[in-house]
Amino acid sequence: MILGAAVVPSAPLLVRGVSATLPAPVSLVRDAVDAALAALPAADVTVLLAVGSAGVHDTATASLAGIGRPDLLATVPVDAAAASAIAAATGWPRVVAEPLPLGLTVLALLTGAPCVVPVAVPADAPFDVLAGAGAALAGAGVRATVVAAGDLSSGLTERSPRYRIDGAQAWDERAVAAVAAGDGDGLAQLGPVEARRVGALGWAPLAVLHGAATRAGLAMAVRTYAAPRGVGYLVAAATPAPVAAPAKPATPAAGA
């Protein structure tokens, strides 16, 4: 059972302690990340979704040593029963890899969750496969919240890691609109080939989250989208999907 969900960028800069000071636009993104994560309901476990070789991780050592910050380290307990249930439901293998890949590391450090199941999502899988895995995850019988990486195009400006990529801004705009509308067809049209071309690491995790949120009856509300460093940062949080009001009884016709 998925109780809540959030989308936050997996940018190391957003982890407290990485930088002594942040430019104001990045600080605003981090504030939005904090708010989205704080709004998550209590659950038995937090499922983390970021790109990698498909697998459900059995361990969760989150270290930023790879970017020169070995002091930023956390070892988070993994719920073995939940990991087993999610692996069985999705068909993705159990994985032991220390430390976690960078995207999952950042999500673990940002959430500060006491118990997690890190899930690496294959970037090149078709949308239907990813959304199906998300629906299966939601039906795995685990009381969980889900946090998915929300890194959009990394080629928006001349200062971007991927420099300026034609069509990247339009891709991001369509991605944000699809998430806001719960539009699976719109999200499907954006990847995986186009997602790779524009350098959007969040597309595959967003596809998995879409499947999970749809099955759980959750709707995603976009909190912010910004690109202060030429990379699209999406922050969103789930709200219960609207329930149709019961039909009013028909008014008897006069004289009936």
C-alpha atoms as a PDB file:
ATOM      1  CA  MET A   1       0.000   0.000   0.000  1.00  0.00           C
ATOM      2  CA  ILE A   2       1.488   3.321  -1.072  1.00  0.00           C
ATOM      3  CA  LEU A   3       0.523   5.971   1.471  1.00  0.00           C
ATOM      4  CA  GLY A   4       2.290   8.959  -0.067  1.00  0.00           C
ATOM      5  CA  ALA A   5       4.847   9.987  -2.657  1.00  0.00           C
ATOM      6  CA  ALA A   6       7.253  12.762  -3.522  1.00  0.00           C
ATOM      7  CA  VAL A   7       9.493  13.760  -6.405  1.00  0.00           C
ATOM      8  CA  VAL A   8      12.771  15.474  -5.512  1.00  0.00           C
ATOM      9  CA  PRO A   9      15.965  16.043  -7.529  1.00  0.00           C
ATOM     10  CA  SER A  10      18.887  13.735  -6.754  1.00  0.00           C
ATOM     11  CA  ALA A  11      21.430  16.557  -7.064  1.00  0.00           C
ATOM     12  CA  PRO A  12      24.223  16.245  -4.447  1.00  0.00           C
ATOM     13  CA  LEU A  13      24.256  20.023  -4.030  1.00  0.00           C
ATOM     14  CA  LEU A  14      20.874  19.780  -2.291  1.00  0.00           C
ATOM     15  CA  VAL A  15      22.305  17.640   0.536  1.00  0.00           C
ATOM     16  CA  ARG A  16      23.013  19.732   3.590  1.00  0.00           C
ATOM     17  CA  GLY A  17      26.730  20.011   4.248  1.00  0.00           C
ATOM     18  CA  VAL A  18      27.859  19.677   0.637  1.00  0.00           C
ATOM     19  CA  SER A  19      28.100  23.438   0.226  1.00  0.00           C
ATOM     20  CA  ALA A  20      28.504  26.055   2.947  1.00  0.00           C
ATOM     21  CA  THR A  21      26.342  28.491   0.990  1.00  0.00           C
ATOM     22  CA  LEU A  22      23.849  28.034  -1.804  1.00  0.00           C
ATOM     23  CA  PRO A  23      22.796  30.497  -4.504  1.00  0.00           C
ATOM     24  CA  ALA A  24      19.319  31.797  -3.694  1.00  0.00           C
ATOM     25  CA  PRO A  25      17.586  29.891  -6.542  1.00  0.00           C
ATOM     26  CA  VAL A  26      19.109  26.575  -5.391  1.00  0.00           C
ATOM     27  CA  SER A  27      18.202  27.362  -1.800  1.00  0.00           C
ATOM     28  CA  LEU A  28      14.580  27.826  -2.864  1.00  0.00           C
ATOM     29  CA  VAL A  29      14.615  24.399  -4.519  1.00  0.00           C
ATOM     30  CA  ARG A  30      15.996  22.849  -1.347  1.00  0.00           C
ATOM     31  CA  ASP A  31      13.253  24.524   0.676  1.00  0.00           C
ATOM     32  CA  ALA A  32      10.675  22.982  -1.658  1.00  0.00           C
ATOM     33  CA  VAL A  33      12.372  19.583  -1.298  1.00  0.00           C
ATOM     34  CA  ASP A  34      12.233  19.875   2.484  1.00  0.00           C
ATOM     35  CA  ALA A  35       8.540  20.775   2.386  1.00  0.00           C
ATOM     36  CA  ALA A  36       7.644  17.912   0.040  1.00  0.00           C
ATOM     37  CA  LEU A  37       9.479  15.367   2.186  1.00  0.00           C
ATOM     38  CA  ALA A  38       8.056  16.751   5.429  1.00  0.00           C
ATOM     39  CA  ALA A  39       4.541  16.267   4.037  1.00  0.00           C
ATOM     40  CA  LEU A  40       5.011  12.519   3.551  1.00  0.00           C
ATOM     41  CA  PRO A  41       2.814  10.470   5.885  1.00  0.00           C
ATOM     42  CA  ALA A  42       4.256   8.001   8.369  1.00  0.00           C
ATOM     43  CA  ALA A  43       4.906   4.583   6.840  1.00  0.00           C
ATOM     44  CA  ASP A  44       6.794   1.382   7.567  1.00  0.00           C
ATOM     45  CA  VAL A  45       9.389   2.043   4.881  1.00  0.00           C
ATOM     46  CA  THR A  46      10.420   4.597   2.250  1.00  0.00           C
ATOM     47  CA  VAL A  47      11.015   3.260  -1.259  1.00  0.00           C
ATOM     48  CA  LEU A  48      13.668   5.223  -3.147  1.00  0.00           C
ATOM     49  CA  LEU A  49      13.627   5.307  -6.972  1.00  0.00           C
ATOM     50  CA  ALA A  50      16.613   6.456  -9.045  1.00  0.00           C
ATOM     51  CA  VAL A  51      18.266   5.254 -12.253  1.00  0.00           C
ATOM     52  CA  GLY A  52      20.679   2.338 -12.288  1.00  0.00           C
ATOM     53  CA  SER A  53      20.921  -1.313 -13.228  1.00  0.00           C
ATOM     54  CA  ALA A  54      17.500  -2.705 -12.381  1.00  0.00           C
ATOM     55  CA  GLY A  55      17.494  -4.085  -8.886  1.00  0.00           C
ATOM     56  CA  VAL A  56      16.224  -3.903  -5.326  1.00  0.00           C
ATOM     57  CA  HIS A  57      19.120  -3.137  -2.998  1.00  0.00           C
ATOM     58  CA  ASP A  58      19.619  -5.203   0.142  1.00  0.00           C
ATOM     59  CA  THR A  59      21.917  -2.644   1.749  1.00  0.00           C
ATOM     60  CA  ALA A  60      21.871   1.138   1.935  1.00  0.00           C
ATOM     61  CA  THR A  61      25.214   2.742   2.588  1.00  0.00           C
ATOM     62  CA  ALA A  62      24.865   6.288   1.273  1.00  0.00           C
ATOM     63  CA  SER A  63      28.266   7.911   0.744  1.00  0.00           C
ATOM     64  CA  LEU A  64      29.312  11.014  -1.148  1.00  0.00           C
ATOM     65  CA  ALA A  65      32.965   9.986  -1.159  1.00  0.00           C
ATOM     66  CA  GLY A  66      32.767   9.776  -4.948  1.00  0.00           C
ATOM     67  CA  ILE A  67      32.354  13.550  -5.145  1.00  0.00           C
ATOM     68  CA  GLY A  68      35.037  14.232  -2.560  1.00  0.00           C
ATOM     69  CA  ARG A  69      32.892  14.251   0.582  1.00  0.00           C
ATOM     70  CA  PRO A  70      33.588  10.999   2.458  1.00  0.00           C
ATOM     71  CA  ASP A  71      32.377  12.712   5.636  1.00  0.00           C
ATOM     72  CA  LEU A  72      28.812  12.722   4.302  1.00  0.00           C
ATOM     73  CA  LEU A  73      27.904   9.127   4.992  1.00  0.00           C
ATOM     74  CA  ALA A  74      24.892   7.269   6.336  1.00  0.00           C
ATOM     75  CA  THR A  75      24.068   3.592   6.652  1.00  0.00           C
ATOM     76  CA  VAL A  76      20.306   3.227   6.607  1.00  0.00           C
ATOM     77  CA  PRO A  77      18.518   0.007   7.604  1.00  0.00           C
ATOM     78  CA  VAL A  78      16.814  -1.822   4.721  1.00  0.00           C
ATOM     79  CA  ASP A  79      13.564  -3.643   5.446  1.00  0.00           C
ATOM     80  CA  ALA A  80      14.444  -7.118   4.191  1.00  0.00           C
ATOM     81  CA  ALA A  81      10.840  -8.339   4.059  1.00  0.00           C
ATOM     82  CA  ALA A  82       9.727  -5.265   2.120  1.00  0.00           C
ATOM     83  CA  ALA A  83      12.687  -5.593  -0.261  1.00  0.00           C
ATOM     84  CA  SER A  84      11.819  -9.220  -0.881  1.00  0.00           C
ATOM     85  CA  ALA A  85       8.169  -8.405  -1.550  1.00  0.00           C
ATOM     86  CA  ILE A  86       9.047  -5.577  -3.950  1.00  0.00           C
ATOM     87  CA  ALA A  87      11.600  -7.707  -5.803  1.00  0.00           C
ATOM     88  CA  ALA A  88       9.049 -10.498  -6.205  1.00  0.00           C
ATOM     89  CA  ALA A  89       6.368  -8.085  -7.401  1.00  0.00           C
ATOM     90  CA  THR A  90       8.522  -6.197  -9.908  1.00  0.00           C
ATOM     91  CA  GLY A  91      10.645  -9.125 -11.081  1.00  0.00           C
ATOM     92  CA  TRP A  92      13.786  -7.074 -10.484  1.00  0.00           C
ATOM     93  CA  PRO A  93      16.681  -8.875  -8.756  1.00  0.00           C
ATOM     94  CA  ARG A  94      17.962  -8.343  -5.234  1.00  0.00           C
ATOM     95  CA  VAL A  95      21.264  -6.458  -5.303  1.00  0.00           C
ATOM     96  CA  VAL A  96      24.089  -5.986  -2.826  1.00  0.00           C
ATOM     97  CA  ALA A  97      26.251  -3.032  -3.832  1.00  0.00           C
ATOM     98  CA  GLU A  98      28.200  -0.748  -1.533  1.00  0.00           C
ATOM     99  CA  PRO A  99      27.829   2.147  -1.541  1.00  0.00           C
ATOM    100  CA  LEU A 100      24.555   2.932  -3.261  1.00  0.00           C
ATOM    101  CA  PRO A 101      24.661   4.546  -6.728  1.00  0.00           C
ATOM    102  CA  LEU A 102      24.819   8.332  -6.540  1.00  0.00           C
ATOM    103  CA  GLY A 103      21.142   9.010  -7.241  1.00  0.00           C
ATOM    104  CA  LEU A 104      19.953   6.614  -4.547  1.00  0.00           C
ATOM    105  CA  THR A 105      22.628   7.924  -2.186  1.00  0.00           C
ATOM    106  CA  VAL A 106      21.343  11.480  -2.518  1.00  0.00           C
ATOM    107  CA  LEU A 107      17.726  10.416  -2.009  1.00  0.00           C
ATOM    108  CA  ALA A 108      18.673   8.462   1.111  1.00  0.00           C
ATOM    109  CA  LEU A 109      20.540  11.460   2.530  1.00  0.00           C
ATOM    110  CA  LEU A 110      17.787  13.931   1.638  1.00  0.00           C
ATOM    111  CA  THR A 111      14.926  11.897   3.081  1.00  0.00           C
ATOM    112  CA  GLY A 112      16.673  10.888   6.292  1.00  0.00           C
ATOM    113  CA  ALA A 113      14.202   7.983   6.395  1.00  0.00           C
ATOM    114  CA  PRO A 114      14.794   5.502   9.230  1.00  0.00           C
ATOM    115  CA  CYS A 115      14.111   2.490   7.013  1.00  0.00           C
ATOM    116  CA  VAL A 116      14.309   2.271   3.222  1.00  0.00           C
ATOM    117  CA  VAL A 117      14.171   0.033   0.184  1.00  0.00           C
ATOM    118  CA  PRO A 118      16.433   1.502  -2.532  1.00  0.00           C
ATOM    119  CA  VAL A 119      15.298   0.526  -6.029  1.00  0.00           C
ATOM    120  CA  ALA A 120      17.468   1.128  -9.101  1.00  0.00           C
ATOM    121  CA  VAL A 121      15.352   1.773 -12.205  1.00  0.00           C
ATOM    122  CA  PRO A 122      16.620   0.913 -15.716  1.00  0.00           C
ATOM    123  CA  ALA A 123      16.817   4.111 -17.757  1.00  0.00           C
ATOM    124  CA  ASP A 124      16.209   2.476 -21.143  1.00  0.00           C
ATOM    125  CA  ALA A 125      13.162   0.345 -20.317  1.00  0.00           C
ATOM    126  CA  PRO A 126       9.892   1.145 -22.131  1.00  0.00           C
ATOM    127  CA  PHE A 127       7.306   3.212 -20.294  1.00  0.00           C
ATOM    128  CA  ASP A 128       4.802   0.361 -20.040  1.00  0.00           C
ATOM    129  CA  VAL A 129       7.390  -1.857 -18.362  1.00  0.00           C
ATOM    130  CA  LEU A 130       8.327   0.837 -15.867  1.00  0.00           C
ATOM    131  CA  ALA A 131       4.759   1.864 -15.085  1.00  0.00           C
ATOM    132  CA  GLY A 132       3.848  -1.805 -14.726  1.00  0.00           C
ATOM    133  CA  ALA A 133       6.658  -2.256 -12.222  1.00  0.00           C
ATOM    134  CA  GLY A 134       5.323   0.725 -10.288  1.00  0.00           C
ATOM    135  CA  ALA A 135       1.824  -0.741 -10.203  1.00  0.00           C
ATOM    136  CA  ALA A 136       3.274  -4.040  -9.019  1.00  0.00           C
ATOM    137  CA  LEU A 137       5.246  -2.222  -6.329  1.00  0.00           C
ATOM    138  CA  ALA A 138       2.044  -0.576  -5.105  1.00  0.00           C
ATOM    139  CA  GLY A 139       0.395  -3.995  -4.906  1.00  0.00           C
ATOM    140  CA  ALA A 140       3.259  -5.685  -3.062  1.00  0.00           C
ATOM    141  CA  GLY A 141       1.585  -5.363   0.328  1.00  0.00           C
ATOM    142  CA  VAL A 142       4.172  -2.960   1.767  1.00  0.00           C
ATOM    143  CA  ARG A 143       3.006   0.109   3.722  1.00  0.00           C
ATOM    144  CA  ALA A 144       5.343   2.589   2.124  1.00  0.00           C
ATOM    145  CA  THR A 145       5.973   6.068   0.890  1.00  0.00           C
ATOM    146  CA  VAL A 146       7.805   6.481  -2.422  1.00  0.00           C
ATOM    147  CA  VAL A 147      10.418   9.105  -3.267  1.00  0.00           C
ATOM    148  CA  ALA A 148      11.464   9.329  -6.924  1.00  0.00           C
ATOM    149  CA  ALA A 149      14.312  11.284  -8.498  1.00  0.00           C
ATOM    150  CA  GLY A 150      13.060  14.388 -10.294  1.00  0.00           C
ATOM    151  CA  ASP A 151      16.100  15.343 -12.369  1.00  0.00           C
ATOM    152  CA  LEU A 152      14.953  16.617 -15.754  1.00  0.00           C
ATOM    153  CA  SER A 153      17.075  17.810 -18.679  1.00  0.00           C
ATOM    154  CA  SER A 154      20.743  18.479 -18.014  1.00  0.00           C
ATOM    155  CA  GLY A 155      21.145  20.471 -21.236  1.00  0.00           C
ATOM    156  CA  LEU A 156      19.054  23.598 -20.810  1.00  0.00           C
ATOM    157  CA  THR A 157      21.698  26.337 -21.112  1.00  0.00           C
ATOM    158  CA  GLU A 158      25.278  26.977 -22.138  1.00  0.00           C
ATOM    159  CA  ARG A 159      26.327  26.366 -18.515  1.00  0.00           C
ATOM    160  CA  SER A 160      24.553  23.001 -18.226  1.00  0.00           C
ATOM    161  CA  PRO A 161      26.550  19.781 -17.764  1.00  0.00           C
ATOM    162  CA  ARG A 162      25.388  18.745 -21.252  1.00  0.00           C
ATOM    163  CA  TYR A 163      25.601  22.269 -22.702  1.00  0.00           C
ATOM    164  CA  ARG A 164      22.507  23.427 -24.622  1.00  0.00           C
ATOM    165  CA  ILE A 165      20.461  20.606 -26.185  1.00  0.00           C
ATOM    166  CA  ASP A 166      17.873  21.443 -28.824  1.00  0.00           C
ATOM    167  CA  GLY A 167      14.370  20.884 -27.523  1.00  0.00           C
ATOM    168  CA  ALA A 168      15.436  20.330 -23.910  1.00  0.00           C
ATOM    169  CA  GLN A 169      13.330  23.173 -22.518  1.00  0.00           C
ATOM    170  CA  ALA A 170      10.247  21.970 -24.367  1.00  0.00           C
ATOM    171  CA  TRP A 171      10.908  18.423 -23.096  1.00  0.00           C
ATOM    172  CA  ASP A 172      11.007  19.681 -19.511  1.00  0.00           C
ATOM    173  CA  GLU A 173       7.809  21.685 -19.952  1.00  0.00           C
ATOM    174  CA  ARG A 174       6.000  18.613 -21.252  1.00  0.00           C
ATOM    175  CA  ALA A 175       7.367  16.461 -18.435  1.00  0.00           C
ATOM    176  CA  VAL A 176       6.210  18.895 -15.756  1.00  0.00           C
ATOM    177  CA  ALA A 177       2.770  19.118 -17.365  1.00  0.00           C
ATOM    178  CA  ALA A 178       2.488  15.319 -17.587  1.00  0.00           C
ATOM    179  CA  VAL A 179       3.358  14.860 -13.921  1.00  0.00           C
ATOM    180  CA  ALA A 180       0.936  17.596 -12.859  1.00  0.00           C
ATOM    181  CA  ALA A 181      -1.886  16.045 -14.898  1.00  0.00           C
ATOM    182  CA  GLY A 182      -1.109  12.411 -14.113  1.00  0.00           C
ATOM    183  CA  ASP A 183      -0.812  11.977 -17.880  1.00  0.00           C
ATOM    184  CA  GLY A 184       0.792   8.592 -18.503  1.00  0.00           C
ATOM    185  CA  ASP A 185       0.500   8.888 -22.268  1.00  0.00           C
ATOM    186  CA  GLY A 186       2.267  12.243 -22.185  1.00  0.00           C
ATOM    187  CA  LEU A 187       5.022  10.864 -19.985  1.00  0.00           C
ATOM    188  CA  ALA A 188       5.405   7.821 -22.225  1.00  0.00           C
ATOM    189  CA  GLN A 189       6.002  10.035 -25.266  1.00  0.00           C
ATOM    190  CA  LEU A 190       9.006  11.650 -23.575  1.00  0.00           C
ATOM    191  CA  GLY A 191      11.216   8.592 -23.254  1.00  0.00           C
ATOM    192  CA  PRO A 192      13.299   6.604 -23.042  1.00  0.00           C
ATOM    193  CA  VAL A 193      15.162   7.694 -26.197  1.00  0.00           C
ATOM    194  CA  GLU A 194      14.319  11.388 -25.855  1.00  0.00           C
ATOM    195  CA  ALA A 195      14.978  11.297 -22.118  1.00  0.00           C
ATOM    196  CA  ARG A 196      18.475  10.008 -22.763  1.00  0.00           C
ATOM    197  CA  ARG A 197      19.047  12.606 -25.517  1.00  0.00           C
ATOM    198  CA  VAL A 198      18.210  15.527 -23.229  1.00  0.00           C
ATOM    199  CA  GLY A 199      20.011  13.967 -20.257  1.00  0.00           C
ATOM    200  CA  ALA A 200      16.948  13.554 -18.024  1.00  0.00           C
ATOM    201  CA  LEU A 201      17.801  11.016 -15.319  1.00  0.00           C
ATOM    202  CA  GLY A 202      14.406  11.381 -13.693  1.00  0.00           C
ATOM    203  CA  TRP A 203      12.241  10.111 -16.530  1.00  0.00           C
ATOM    204  CA  ALA A 204      12.444   6.398 -15.679  1.00  0.00           C
ATOM    205  CA  PRO A 205      11.834   6.884 -11.928  1.00  0.00           C
ATOM    206  CA  LEU A 206       8.891   9.156 -12.782  1.00  0.00           C
ATOM    207  CA  ALA A 207       7.446   6.410 -14.996  1.00  0.00           C
ATOM    208  CA  VAL A 208       7.650   3.906 -12.126  1.00  0.00           C
ATOM    209  CA  LEU A 209       6.132   6.434  -9.745  1.00  0.00           C
ATOM    210  CA  HIS A 210       3.290   7.096 -12.178  1.00  0.00           C
ATOM    211  CA  GLY A 211       2.343   3.417 -12.142  1.00  0.00           C
ATOM    212  CA  ALA A 212       2.531   3.242  -8.358  1.00  0.00           C
ATOM    213  CA  ALA A 213       0.594   6.460  -7.774  1.00  0.00           C
ATOM    214  CA  THR A 214      -2.119   5.507 -10.253  1.00  0.00           C
ATOM    215  CA  ARG A 215      -2.711   2.153  -8.573  1.00  0.00           C
ATOM    216  CA  ALA A 216      -2.627   3.758  -5.119  1.00  0.00           C
ATOM    217  CA  GLY A 217      -5.113   6.476  -6.067  1.00  0.00           C
ATOM    218  CA  LEU A 218      -2.675   9.319  -5.560  1.00  0.00           C
ATOM    219  CA  ALA A 219      -2.380  12.440  -7.710  1.00  0.00           C
ATOM    220  CA  MET A 220       0.888  14.342  -7.978  1.00  0.00           C
ATOM    221  CA  ALA A 221       0.898  18.091  -7.404  1.00  0.00           C
ATOM    222  CA  VAL A 222       3.888  20.022  -8.729  1.00  0.00           C
ATOM    223  CA  ARG A 223       5.416  22.209  -6.013  1.00  0.00           C
ATOM    224  CA  THR A 224       8.167  23.780  -8.070  1.00  0.00           C
ATOM    225  CA  TYR A 225      10.216  23.494 -11.226  1.00  0.00           C
ATOM    226  CA  ALA A 226      13.462  25.413 -11.570  1.00  0.00           C
ATOM    227  CA  ALA A 227      16.727  25.203 -13.475  1.00  0.00           C
ATOM    228  CA  PRO A 228      19.156  27.410 -11.529  1.00  0.00           C
ATOM    229  CA  ARG A 229      22.228  25.526 -12.786  1.00  0.00           C
ATOM    230  CA  GLY A 230      20.966  24.628 -16.239  1.00  0.00           C
ATOM    231  CA  VAL A 231      19.483  21.332 -15.007  1.00  0.00           C
ATOM    232  CA  GLY A 232      15.744  20.937 -14.577  1.00  0.00           C
ATOM    233  CA  TYR A 233      14.797  20.318 -10.940  1.00  0.00           C
ATOM    234  CA  LEU A 234      11.256  19.020 -10.373  1.00  0.00           C
ATOM    235  CA  VAL A 235       9.683  18.864  -6.929  1.00  0.00           C
ATOM    236  CA  ALA A 236       6.229  17.339  -6.508  1.00  0.00           C
ATOM    237  CA  ALA A 237       4.148  15.691  -3.810  1.00  0.00           C
ATOM    238  CA  ALA A 238       1.174  13.363  -3.836  1.00  0.00           C
ATOM    239  CA  THR A 239      -2.327  14.221  -2.791  1.00  0.00           C
ATOM    240  CA  PRO A 240      -5.258  11.810  -2.601  1.00  0.00           C
ATOM    241  CA  ALA A 241      -6.953  11.513  -5.963  1.00  0.00           C
ATOM    242  CA  PRO A 242     -10.355  13.271  -6.033  1.00  0.00           C
ATOM    243  CA  VAL A 243     -13.295  11.004  -5.365  1.00  0.00           C
ATOM    244  CA  ALA A 244     -16.433  11.544  -7.381  1.00  0.00           C
ATOM    245  CA  ALA A 245     -19.297  12.832  -5.265  1.00  0.00           C
ATOM    246  CA  PRO A 246     -22.188  10.384  -4.943  1.00  0.00           C
ATOM    247  CA  ALA A 247     -25.020  11.076  -7.296  1.00  0.00           C
ATOM    248  CA  LYS A 248     -27.919  12.947  -5.759  1.00  0.00           C
ATOM    249  CA  PRO A 249     -31.175  11.072  -5.680  1.00  0.00           C
ATOM    250  CA  ALA A 250     -33.533  12.148  -8.387  1.00  0.00           C
ATOM    251  CA  THR A 251     -36.196  14.623  -7.326  1.00  0.00           C
ATOM    252  CA  PRO A 252     -39.612  13.096  -7.776  1.00  0.00           C
ATOM    253  CA  ALA A 253     -41.599  14.721 -10.523  1.00  0.00           C
ATOM    254  CA  ALA A 254     -44.557  16.828  -9.443  1.00  0.00           C
ATOM    255  CA  GLY A 255     -47.581  14.689  -8.948  1.00  0.00           C
ATOM    256  CA  ALA A 256     -45.575  11.456  -8.746  1.00  0.00           C
END
